[in-house]
Amino acid sequence: MRMTSKGQVTIPRHIREAAGFRPGTELEFVMDDAGTVRVRRQADQPENPALAAALGRLRGAASTTMTTDQIMALTRE
């Protein structure tokens, strides 16, 4: 793996997927006394405003005159 002149490296896809790194994930680099560098996800991740807005639109109280049995019948069709 080669570092660019801007100090950037590409984390291989299989490692990103195994570690759960997604676009926007905050990472931290830690070096131990032996000089080994570890990359890990920061514990506190910033909120994703687009996701929060989408979830906010989905939340709320349902209002229906249908009974539970009628709703279950609809979902089973």
Protein backbone atom coordinates (compact mmCIF):
# COMPACT_ATOMS: atom_id res chain seq x y z
CA MET A 1 0.00 0.00 0.00
CA ARG A 2 1.34 3.41 -0.89
CA MET A 3 0.60 6.75 0.75
CA THR A 4 -0.18 9.72 -1.50
CA SER A 5 1.62 13.05 -1.27
CA LYS A 6 -1.37 14.28 0.76
CA GLY A 7 -0.88 11.51 3.34
CA GLN A 8 -3.88 9.49 2.17
CA VAL A 9 -4.13 5.71 2.00
CA THR A 10 -6.94 3.48 0.82
CA ILE A 11 -8.23 0.94 3.32
CA PRO A 12 -9.01 -2.24 1.35
CA ARG A 13 -12.72 -2.97 0.93
CA HIS A 14 -12.67 -6.31 2.80
CA ILE A 15 -11.09 -4.60 5.81
CA ARG A 16 -13.54 -1.65 5.70
CA GLU A 17 -16.47 -4.05 5.55
CA ALA A 18 -15.15 -6.32 8.32
CA ALA A 19 -14.48 -3.31 10.58
CA GLY A 20 -17.80 -1.65 9.77
CA PHE A 21 -16.19 1.51 8.39
CA ARG A 22 -18.71 3.46 6.31
CA PRO A 23 -18.39 6.83 4.57
CA GLY A 24 -18.34 9.49 7.27
CA THR A 25 -17.06 7.15 9.98
CA GLU A 26 -14.69 8.99 12.31
CA LEU A 27 -11.45 7.04 12.73
CA GLU A 28 -8.55 7.40 15.11
CA PHE A 29 -4.99 6.23 14.72
CA VAL A 30 -3.15 4.90 17.76
CA MET A 31 0.55 3.99 17.90
CA ASP A 32 1.90 1.70 20.61
CA ASP A 33 5.42 1.68 22.06
CA ALA A 34 6.58 -0.83 19.42
CA GLY A 35 5.51 1.53 16.61
CA THR A 36 2.49 -0.52 15.54
CA VAL A 37 -0.29 1.72 14.26
CA ARG A 38 -3.90 0.69 14.81
CA VAL A 39 -6.92 2.23 13.13
CA ARG A 40 -10.18 2.13 15.03
CA ARG A 41 -13.59 3.73 14.92
CA GLN A 42 -14.03 6.53 17.42
CA ALA A 43 -16.49 5.68 20.17
CA ASP A 44 -18.50 8.88 19.71
CA GLN A 45 -19.66 9.22 16.13
CA PRO A 46 -21.21 12.46 14.91
CA GLU A 47 -24.90 12.37 14.15
CA ASN A 48 -25.87 11.78 10.54
CA PRO A 49 -28.33 14.65 9.83
CA ALA A 50 -29.86 13.02 6.75
CA LEU A 51 -30.53 9.77 8.62
CA ALA A 52 -31.92 11.63 11.64
CA ALA A 53 -34.30 13.59 9.38
CA ALA A 54 -35.47 10.43 7.61
CA LEU A 55 -36.11 8.67 10.91
CA GLY A 56 -37.91 11.73 12.22
CA ARG A 57 -40.31 11.62 9.27
CA LEU A 58 -41.03 7.95 9.95
CA ARG A 59 -41.74 8.42 13.64
CA GLY A 60 -45.17 9.31 14.88
CA ALA A 61 -48.47 7.94 15.96
CA ALA A 62 -50.50 5.82 13.62
CA SER A 63 -54.15 6.58 13.35
CA THR A 64 -56.47 4.01 11.87
CA THR A 65 -59.94 2.68 12.37
CA MET A 66 -58.82 -0.82 11.41
CA THR A 67 -58.59 -3.56 13.99
CA THR A 68 -55.40 -5.50 14.59
CA ASP A 69 -56.92 -8.52 12.86
CA GLN A 70 -57.74 -6.45 9.76
CA ILE A 71 -54.20 -5.06 9.61
CA MET A 72 -52.71 -8.55 10.01
CA ALA A 73 -54.95 -9.82 7.23
CA LEU A 74 -53.68 -7.05 4.93
CA THR A 75 -50.04 -7.86 5.64
CA ARG A 76 -50.58 -11.55 4.98
CA GLU A 77 -52.14 -11.09 1.55
